[in-house]
């Protein structure tokens, strides 16, 4: 490579570096490129949540009541003890499975509540009311 060609390459390179540096340090020089960095939209969850409360006859929350969730496909039973506010929650449940739920406390058991795949809600909210049986 001749000296003249080498000097022209060096001059062009230094001119390019100077221009690039000026563009980076000039705060008024804003890029004319717009990026849409929103990412992919989140897929709707394929899981179900069943939550709610257990209350007594006077509509007070019952702490420590046991809510049982039975998966009718596998017959697996999961127990959840309610919090001080009487709330319970079962998360990440399949939308394709039938479930039965009951609540128990101090020898009183609620009627069975069912959640089926025909119920398309992703969040099912149930309230169990535990009342002593009235003597006949």
N, C-alpha and C. Protein backbone atom coordinates (compact mmCIF):
# COMPACT_ATOMS: atom_id res chain seq x y z
N UNK A 1 0.85 -1.17 0.00
CA UNK A 1 0.00 0.00 0.00
C UNK A 1 0.90 1.23 0.00
N UNK A 2 0.57 2.20 -0.81
CA UNK A 2 1.40 3.40 -0.92
C UNK A 2 1.16 4.31 0.27
N UNK A 3 2.10 5.21 0.48
CA UNK A 3 1.98 6.14 1.60
C UNK A 3 0.77 7.05 1.43
N UNK A 4 0.47 7.44 0.23
CA UNK A 4 -0.66 8.33 -0.02
C UNK A 4 -1.97 7.63 0.33
N UNK A 5 -2.08 6.36 -0.03
CA UNK A 5 -3.28 5.61 0.28
C UNK A 5 -3.40 5.40 1.78
N UNK A 6 -2.26 5.13 2.42
CA UNK A 6 -2.26 4.93 3.87
C UNK A 6 -2.68 6.21 4.59
N UNK A 7 -2.16 7.36 4.14
CA UNK A 7 -2.55 8.63 4.75
C UNK A 7 -4.03 8.94 4.54
N UNK A 8 -4.57 8.61 3.38
CA UNK A 8 -5.99 8.88 3.14
C UNK A 8 -6.87 7.98 3.99
N UNK A 9 -6.44 6.73 4.22
CA UNK A 9 -7.21 5.83 5.08
C UNK A 9 -7.17 6.34 6.52
N UNK A 10 -6.01 6.76 6.99
CA UNK A 10 -5.88 7.29 8.36
C UNK A 10 -6.67 8.58 8.53
N UNK A 11 -6.63 9.45 7.51
CA UNK A 11 -7.38 10.71 7.60
C UNK A 11 -8.88 10.44 7.63
N UNK A 12 -9.34 9.53 6.79
CA UNK A 12 -10.75 9.20 6.77
C UNK A 12 -11.19 8.56 8.09
N UNK A 13 -10.36 7.66 8.65
CA UNK A 13 -10.67 7.00 9.92
C UNK A 13 -10.74 7.99 11.06
N UNK A 14 -9.79 8.93 11.11
CA UNK A 14 -9.82 9.92 12.20
C UNK A 14 -11.01 10.85 12.05
N UNK A 15 -11.38 11.19 10.80
CA UNK A 15 -12.56 12.03 10.57
C UNK A 15 -13.82 11.30 11.03
N UNK A 16 -13.90 10.01 10.75
CA UNK A 16 -15.07 9.22 11.16
C UNK A 16 -15.15 9.15 12.69
N UNK A 17 -14.02 8.93 13.36
CA UNK A 17 -14.00 8.88 14.82
C UNK A 17 -14.39 10.22 15.43
N UNK A 18 -13.90 11.30 14.86
CA UNK A 18 -14.23 12.64 15.37
C UNK A 18 -15.72 12.92 15.22
N UNK A 19 -16.29 12.54 14.08
CA UNK A 19 -17.72 12.76 13.85
C UNK A 19 -18.55 11.91 14.80
N UNK A 20 -18.16 10.65 14.99
CA UNK A 20 -18.90 9.77 15.90
C UNK A 20 -18.83 10.28 17.32
N UNK A 21 -17.66 10.76 17.74
CA UNK A 21 -17.49 11.28 19.09
C UNK A 21 -18.34 12.54 19.28
N UNK A 22 -18.39 13.38 18.26
CA UNK A 22 -19.20 14.61 18.35
C UNK A 22 -20.68 14.27 18.45
N UNK A 23 -21.09 13.24 17.73
CA UNK A 23 -22.50 12.86 17.79
C UNK A 23 -22.86 12.30 19.16
N UNK A 24 -21.95 11.59 19.79
CA UNK A 24 -22.24 11.00 21.09
C UNK A 24 -22.26 12.02 22.21
N UNK A 25 -21.44 13.06 22.11
CA UNK A 25 -21.37 14.05 23.18
C UNK A 25 -22.35 15.19 23.00
N UNK A 26 -22.93 15.35 21.80
CA UNK A 26 -23.89 16.41 21.56
C UNK A 26 -25.27 15.97 22.06
N UNK A 27 -25.76 16.59 23.16
CA UNK A 27 -27.02 16.18 23.77
C UNK A 27 -28.23 16.55 22.91
N UNK A 28 -28.09 17.55 22.03
CA UNK A 28 -29.19 17.94 21.16
C UNK A 28 -29.32 17.03 19.95
N UNK A 29 -28.32 16.22 19.71
CA UNK A 29 -28.35 15.31 18.57
C UNK A 29 -29.02 14.02 19.00
N UNK A 30 -30.30 13.91 18.75
CA UNK A 30 -31.06 12.74 19.17
C UNK A 30 -31.20 11.77 18.01
N UNK A 31 -31.20 10.50 18.29
CA UNK A 31 -31.32 9.54 17.19
C UNK A 31 -32.70 9.63 16.54
N UNK A 32 -32.74 9.32 15.26
CA UNK A 32 -34.00 9.36 14.54
C UNK A 32 -34.62 7.97 14.42
N UNK A 33 -34.18 7.06 15.25
CA UNK A 33 -34.68 5.69 15.22
C UNK A 33 -35.60 5.48 16.42
N UNK A 34 -36.77 4.89 16.20
CA UNK A 34 -37.70 4.60 17.27
C UNK A 34 -37.76 3.09 17.46
N UNK A 35 -37.58 2.67 18.67
CA UNK A 35 -37.61 1.25 18.98
C UNK A 35 -38.88 0.92 19.73
N UNK A 36 -39.50 -0.16 19.38
CA UNK A 36 -40.69 -0.63 20.08
C UNK A 36 -40.26 -1.79 20.97
N UNK A 37 -39.83 -1.46 22.18
CA UNK A 37 -39.30 -2.47 23.10
C UNK A 37 -40.34 -2.96 24.09
N UNK A 38 -41.55 -3.15 23.63
CA UNK A 38 -42.61 -3.60 24.53
C UNK A 38 -42.50 -5.09 24.83
N UNK A 39 -41.81 -5.81 23.99
CA UNK A 39 -41.69 -7.25 24.20
C UNK A 39 -42.95 -7.97 23.79
N UNK A 40 -42.93 -9.25 23.97
CA UNK A 40 -44.10 -10.05 23.63
C UNK A 40 -45.17 -9.87 24.70
N UNK A 41 -46.43 -9.81 24.29
CA UNK A 41 -47.48 -9.72 25.30
C UNK A 41 -47.54 -11.01 26.11
N UNK A 42 -47.87 -10.87 27.37
CA UNK A 42 -47.97 -12.04 28.24
C UNK A 42 -49.13 -12.91 27.80
N UNK A 43 -48.88 -14.21 27.81
CA UNK A 43 -49.94 -15.15 27.47
C UNK A 43 -50.89 -15.24 28.65
N UNK A 44 -52.17 -15.37 28.39
CA UNK A 44 -53.10 -15.56 29.51
C UNK A 44 -52.75 -16.84 30.25
N UNK A 45 -52.89 -16.79 31.54
CA UNK A 45 -52.56 -17.95 32.36
C UNK A 45 -53.52 -19.09 32.08
N UNK A 46 -52.98 -20.29 32.04
CA UNK A 46 -53.84 -21.46 31.84
C UNK A 46 -54.18 -22.11 33.18
N UNK A 47 -53.86 -21.42 34.26
CA UNK A 47 -54.11 -21.96 35.60
C UNK A 47 -55.32 -21.26 36.23
N UNK A 48 -55.87 -21.93 37.21
CA UNK A 48 -57.04 -21.42 37.94
C UNK A 48 -56.64 -21.17 39.39
N UNK A 49 -57.29 -20.18 39.99
CA UNK A 49 -57.16 -19.90 41.42
C UNK A 49 -58.54 -20.01 42.03
N UNK A 50 -58.63 -20.73 43.14
CA UNK A 50 -59.89 -20.79 43.90
C UNK A 50 -59.57 -20.20 45.27
N UNK A 51 -60.23 -19.13 45.61
CA UNK A 51 -60.03 -18.53 46.93
C UNK A 51 -61.36 -18.05 47.48
N UNK A 52 -61.32 -17.60 48.72
CA UNK A 52 -62.54 -17.14 49.34
C UNK A 52 -62.41 -17.04 50.84
N UNK A 53 -63.57 -17.15 51.52
CA UNK A 53 -63.62 -16.99 52.98
C UNK A 53 -64.51 -18.05 53.59
N UNK A 54 -64.25 -18.31 54.86
CA UNK A 54 -65.13 -19.16 55.67
C UNK A 54 -65.69 -18.27 56.77
N UNK A 55 -67.03 -18.27 56.89
CA UNK A 55 -67.70 -17.41 57.87
C UNK A 55 -68.65 -18.24 58.72
N UNK A 56 -68.96 -17.70 59.91
CA UNK A 56 -69.93 -18.37 60.78
C UNK A 56 -71.33 -17.83 60.51
N UNK A 57 -72.29 -18.28 61.30
CA UNK A 57 -73.68 -17.88 61.10
C UNK A 57 -73.89 -16.37 61.27
N UNK A 58 -73.05 -15.73 62.10
CA UNK A 58 -73.16 -14.29 62.33
C UNK A 58 -72.31 -13.49 61.33
N UNK A 59 -71.82 -14.14 60.28
CA UNK A 59 -71.04 -13.53 59.22
C UNK A 59 -69.64 -13.08 59.66
N UNK A 60 -69.13 -13.68 60.75
CA UNK A 60 -67.77 -13.40 61.21
C UNK A 60 -66.80 -14.37 60.54
N UNK A 61 -65.59 -13.92 60.18
CA UNK A 61 -64.62 -14.84 59.60
C UNK A 61 -64.18 -15.87 60.64
N UNK A 62 -63.94 -17.10 60.18
CA UNK A 62 -63.51 -18.17 61.07
C UNK A 62 -62.03 -18.47 60.81
N UNK A 63 -61.20 -18.18 61.80
CA UNK A 63 -59.77 -18.49 61.70
C UNK A 63 -59.56 -19.97 62.04
N UNK A 64 -58.68 -20.62 61.31
CA UNK A 64 -58.35 -22.01 61.60
C UNK A 64 -59.33 -23.03 61.06
N UNK A 65 -60.29 -22.62 60.27
CA UNK A 65 -61.18 -23.58 59.62
C UNK A 65 -60.37 -24.33 58.56
N UNK A 66 -60.71 -25.56 58.29
CA UNK A 66 -60.01 -26.36 57.29
C UNK A 66 -60.85 -26.39 56.02
N UNK A 67 -60.26 -25.93 54.94
CA UNK A 67 -60.91 -26.01 53.63
C UNK A 67 -60.20 -27.12 52.87
N UNK A 68 -60.98 -28.10 52.40
CA UNK A 68 -60.41 -29.23 51.67
C UNK A 68 -60.73 -29.10 50.20
N UNK A 69 -59.71 -29.28 49.37
CA UNK A 69 -59.85 -29.28 47.93
C UNK A 69 -59.56 -30.69 47.44
N UNK A 70 -60.51 -31.29 46.74
CA UNK A 70 -60.32 -32.64 46.21
C UNK A 70 -60.26 -32.57 44.69
N UNK A 71 -59.16 -33.06 44.13
CA UNK A 71 -58.99 -33.19 42.69
C UNK A 71 -59.69 -34.49 42.28
N UNK A 72 -60.77 -34.40 41.52
CA UNK A 72 -61.55 -35.59 41.19
C UNK A 72 -60.88 -36.46 40.12
N UNK A 73 -59.86 -35.94 39.47
CA UNK A 73 -59.13 -36.74 38.49
C UNK A 73 -58.16 -37.70 39.18
N UNK A 74 -57.46 -37.19 40.21
CA UNK A 74 -56.45 -38.00 40.91
C UNK A 74 -56.90 -38.43 42.30
N UNK A 75 -57.99 -37.91 42.78
CA UNK A 75 -58.51 -38.13 44.15
C UNK A 75 -57.59 -37.56 45.22
N UNK A 76 -56.66 -36.71 44.83
CA UNK A 76 -55.76 -36.06 45.79
C UNK A 76 -56.53 -34.99 46.56
N UNK A 77 -56.34 -34.95 47.89
CA UNK A 77 -57.01 -33.97 48.75
C UNK A 77 -55.95 -33.07 49.37
N UNK A 78 -56.19 -31.77 49.30
CA UNK A 78 -55.28 -30.79 49.88
C UNK A 78 -56.07 -29.99 50.92
N UNK A 79 -55.50 -29.84 52.12
CA UNK A 79 -56.13 -29.07 53.19
C UNK A 79 -55.47 -27.70 53.31
N UNK A 80 -56.28 -26.69 53.61
CA UNK A 80 -55.78 -25.34 53.83
C UNK A 80 -56.44 -24.80 55.09
N UNK A 81 -55.65 -24.40 56.08
CA UNK A 81 -56.19 -23.78 57.29
C UNK A 81 -56.35 -22.29 57.04
N UNK A 82 -57.55 -21.76 57.29
CA UNK A 82 -57.80 -20.34 57.03
C UNK A 82 -56.96 -19.46 57.94
N UNK A 83 -56.67 -18.29 57.44
CA UNK A 83 -55.91 -17.28 58.20
C UNK A 83 -56.83 -16.62 59.22
N UNK A 84 -56.29 -15.65 59.95
CA UNK A 84 -57.08 -14.93 60.96
C UNK A 84 -58.30 -14.24 60.35
N UNK A 85 -58.18 -13.86 59.08
CA UNK A 85 -59.29 -13.17 58.42
C UNK A 85 -60.27 -14.15 57.75
N UNK A 86 -60.07 -15.45 57.97
CA UNK A 86 -60.97 -16.47 57.43
C UNK A 86 -60.75 -16.79 55.96
N UNK A 87 -59.68 -16.28 55.37
CA UNK A 87 -59.45 -16.46 53.94
C UNK A 87 -58.63 -17.72 53.65
N UNK A 88 -58.88 -18.27 52.46
CA UNK A 88 -58.12 -19.41 51.95
C UNK A 88 -57.82 -19.17 50.48
N UNK A 89 -56.83 -19.91 49.95
CA UNK A 89 -56.49 -19.78 48.53
C UNK A 89 -55.82 -21.06 48.04
N UNK A 90 -56.24 -21.51 46.87
CA UNK A 90 -55.60 -22.61 46.17
C UNK A 90 -55.20 -22.05 44.81
N UNK A 91 -53.91 -22.13 44.49
CA UNK A 91 -53.39 -21.51 43.27
C UNK A 91 -52.83 -22.55 42.31
N UNK A 92 -52.65 -22.14 41.06
CA UNK A 92 -52.05 -22.96 40.01
C UNK A 92 -52.81 -24.28 39.81
N UNK A 93 -54.12 -24.20 39.78
CA UNK A 93 -54.96 -25.37 39.54
C UNK A 93 -55.26 -25.49 38.05
N UNK A 94 -55.43 -26.70 37.59
CA UNK A 94 -55.73 -26.94 36.18
C UNK A 94 -57.16 -26.50 35.86
N UNK A 95 -57.33 -25.95 34.68
CA UNK A 95 -58.66 -25.58 34.19
C UNK A 95 -59.41 -26.80 33.68
N UNK A 96 -58.71 -27.94 33.51
CA UNK A 96 -59.27 -29.14 32.90
C UNK A 96 -59.79 -30.16 33.91
N UNK A 97 -59.76 -29.84 35.19
CA UNK A 97 -60.06 -30.82 36.24
C UNK A 97 -61.28 -30.38 37.04
N UNK A 98 -62.08 -31.36 37.47
CA UNK A 98 -63.20 -31.11 38.39
C UNK A 98 -62.66 -31.09 39.81
N UNK A 99 -63.14 -30.15 40.61
CA UNK A 99 -62.73 -30.04 42.02
C UNK A 99 -63.97 -30.01 42.90
N UNK A 100 -63.82 -30.57 44.11
CA UNK A 100 -64.84 -30.46 45.16
C UNK A 100 -64.18 -29.79 46.35
N UNK A 101 -64.91 -28.87 46.98
CA UNK A 101 -64.39 -28.16 48.14
C UNK A 101 -65.39 -28.24 49.28
N UNK A 102 -64.87 -28.41 50.49
CA UNK A 102 -65.68 -28.35 51.71
C UNK A 102 -64.90 -27.58 52.77
N UNK A 103 -65.63 -27.02 53.72
CA UNK A 103 -65.01 -26.32 54.84
C UNK A 103 -65.48 -26.98 56.12
N UNK A 104 -64.57 -27.09 57.11
CA UNK A 104 -64.88 -27.74 58.39
C UNK A 104 -64.31 -26.91 59.53
N UNK A 105 -65.09 -26.87 60.62
CA UNK A 105 -64.59 -26.23 61.84
C UNK A 105 -65.48 -26.63 63.00
N UNK A 106 -64.87 -27.05 64.10
CA UNK A 106 -65.59 -27.44 65.33
C UNK A 106 -66.74 -28.42 65.06
N UNK A 107 -66.48 -29.42 64.24
CA UNK A 107 -67.47 -30.45 63.98
C UNK A 107 -68.56 -30.07 62.99
N UNK A 108 -68.50 -28.88 62.45
CA UNK A 108 -69.48 -28.45 61.45
C UNK A 108 -68.82 -28.51 60.08
N UNK A 109 -69.50 -29.15 59.13
CA UNK A 109 -68.99 -29.27 57.77
C UNK A 109 -69.96 -28.61 56.80
N UNK A 110 -69.42 -27.87 55.87
CA UNK A 110 -70.25 -27.18 54.87
C UNK A 110 -70.71 -28.17 53.80
N UNK A 111 -71.72 -27.81 53.06
CA UNK A 111 -72.07 -28.61 51.87
C UNK A 111 -70.92 -28.55 50.86
N UNK A 112 -70.83 -29.56 50.02
CA UNK A 112 -69.78 -29.64 49.00
C UNK A 112 -70.06 -28.60 47.92
N UNK A 113 -69.00 -27.87 47.54
CA UNK A 113 -69.08 -26.92 46.42
C UNK A 113 -68.22 -27.51 45.30
N UNK A 114 -68.70 -27.41 44.07
CA UNK A 114 -67.99 -27.98 42.93
C UNK A 114 -67.53 -26.88 41.97
N UNK A 115 -66.33 -27.09 41.40
CA UNK A 115 -65.80 -26.23 40.35
C UNK A 115 -65.42 -27.16 39.20
N UNK A 116 -66.00 -26.90 38.03
CA UNK A 116 -65.81 -27.80 36.89
C UNK A 116 -65.08 -27.09 35.76
N UNK A 117 -64.60 -27.86 34.78
CA UNK A 117 -63.98 -27.24 33.60
C UNK A 117 -64.95 -26.37 32.79
N UNK A 118 -66.25 -26.58 32.98
CA UNK A 118 -67.24 -25.75 32.28
C UNK A 118 -67.27 -24.33 32.83
N UNK A 119 -66.78 -24.16 34.05
CA UNK A 119 -66.64 -22.83 34.64
C UNK A 119 -65.33 -22.26 34.11
N UNK A 120 -65.40 -21.29 33.22
CA UNK A 120 -64.20 -20.79 32.54
C UNK A 120 -63.50 -19.66 33.28
N UNK A 121 -63.95 -19.32 34.47
CA UNK A 121 -63.28 -18.25 35.23
C UNK A 121 -61.90 -18.73 35.68
N UNK A 122 -60.92 -17.86 35.57
CA UNK A 122 -59.58 -18.19 36.06
C UNK A 122 -59.46 -17.94 37.55
N UNK A 123 -60.31 -17.08 38.09
CA UNK A 123 -60.34 -16.86 39.54
C UNK A 123 -61.77 -17.10 40.02
N UNK A 124 -61.90 -18.14 40.83
CA UNK A 124 -63.19 -18.51 41.39
C UNK A 124 -63.17 -18.09 42.86
N UNK A 125 -64.18 -17.34 43.28
CA UNK A 125 -64.27 -16.87 44.67
C UNK A 125 -65.47 -17.53 45.32
N UNK A 126 -65.22 -18.24 46.43
CA UNK A 126 -66.28 -18.95 47.15
C UNK A 126 -66.35 -18.44 48.58
N UNK A 127 -67.55 -18.43 49.13
CA UNK A 127 -67.74 -18.14 50.55
C UNK A 127 -68.48 -19.32 51.17
N UNK A 128 -67.86 -19.90 52.19
CA UNK A 128 -68.49 -20.99 52.94
C UNK A 128 -69.09 -20.41 54.20
N UNK A 129 -70.32 -20.78 54.50
CA UNK A 129 -70.98 -20.34 55.73
C UNK A 129 -71.22 -21.59 56.58
N UNK A 130 -70.57 -21.64 57.75
CA UNK A 130 -70.71 -22.78 58.64
C UNK A 130 -71.73 -22.44 59.72
N UNK A 131 -72.83 -23.18 59.69
CA UNK A 131 -73.89 -22.97 60.66
C UNK A 131 -74.23 -24.30 61.31
N UNK A 132 -74.44 -24.25 62.58
CA UNK A 132 -74.84 -25.47 63.31
C UNK A 132 -76.21 -25.90 62.84
N UNK A 133 -76.39 -27.22 62.72
CA UNK A 133 -77.70 -27.74 62.32
C UNK A 133 -78.73 -27.43 63.39
N UNK A 134 -79.90 -27.03 62.95
CA UNK A 134 -80.96 -26.72 63.88
C UNK A 134 -81.67 -28.01 64.27
N UNK A 135 -81.93 -28.23 65.57
CA UNK A 135 -82.63 -29.45 65.98
C UNK A 135 -84.06 -29.45 65.45
N UNK A 136 -84.54 -30.63 65.10
CA UNK A 136 -85.91 -30.73 64.57
C UNK A 136 -86.88 -31.15 65.61
